[in-house]
Amino acid sequence: MSRANSGFTMIELLVTVAIIGILASIAVPGMQGYLARSRLDRVVSNLQADAAYARGEALRRQRTVSICPAEIKPNMSGDISCNGGDWNQGWVVFSDPTTGVVGVIENQTDVLRVREGATGAVVNPQSGTLVGAASIQFVPSGTASVAGVIRVCPAGLSRGMDVNLSRGGRTSRAGADC
C-alpha cells in the first residue's frame, strides 16, 4: 500500500515540537548563566585594559592620566564629566592638564577613552584608598594615586570578580562572592 501524499503526520510534527521544547527548556538556563559570565568578563577586562591604557599613556605622555566614573551631561551637549563615584554609569580615561584641578575633565579634547555603564552588573570599589576616591590618577612614572579592589557582581550570579589595583599601577583579577 503506497501513500498518496508524502509528508509528516500531525503526530510526528507534535512529537518533534515537544522534543524541541524539552531541549530548549534545558538549554535556556545554561545560556543565561553563560551570558551573565560573559558580561562579567567583559566589564572586568575593560577595567583592566583601561587601567593599563591609562598607565601606558601616563608614561608615554609624561603627564598625569586619570580614570573616573563618568556621566554624559543631561543637556545633551555630549560633554563628559566625572560623577563622583558611581562606576555603574561607566568611566572615562582622560589626560589631566598640567594646570587646574587634578582628576577633573577641563577640556573635552583631553578625553582619551569612554566606557558605557556595566549593563547587568554592579561595579563598586570595595577596599583600600579606592573607596571614596573620585578618580584614579596615573602619574608620569606609571604609579597609581590609589590602590584597592573594585568588585564586579553580575545580576543573577552569586560569584563575581575583584579587580585589584596596586600602587604600582598594575591590575589583577580574582574570584569574589557577591
Foldseek 3Di string as FASTA:
>chain_A
DDDPDDDDDPVRVVVVVVVVVVVCVVVVVVVVVVVLVVLQVVVLVVVQVLLVVQLVCLQVVQAKKKKFQWDQDPVPPRDIWHDQFQCQQWMWIFTDDPDDDPPTDPDSVRTDDTDGGSPQKGKHFDDWPSHRDRMWMQGNVSFIPIWGWIWIGGPPDQKHKIWTADRSSHTDIDIDGD
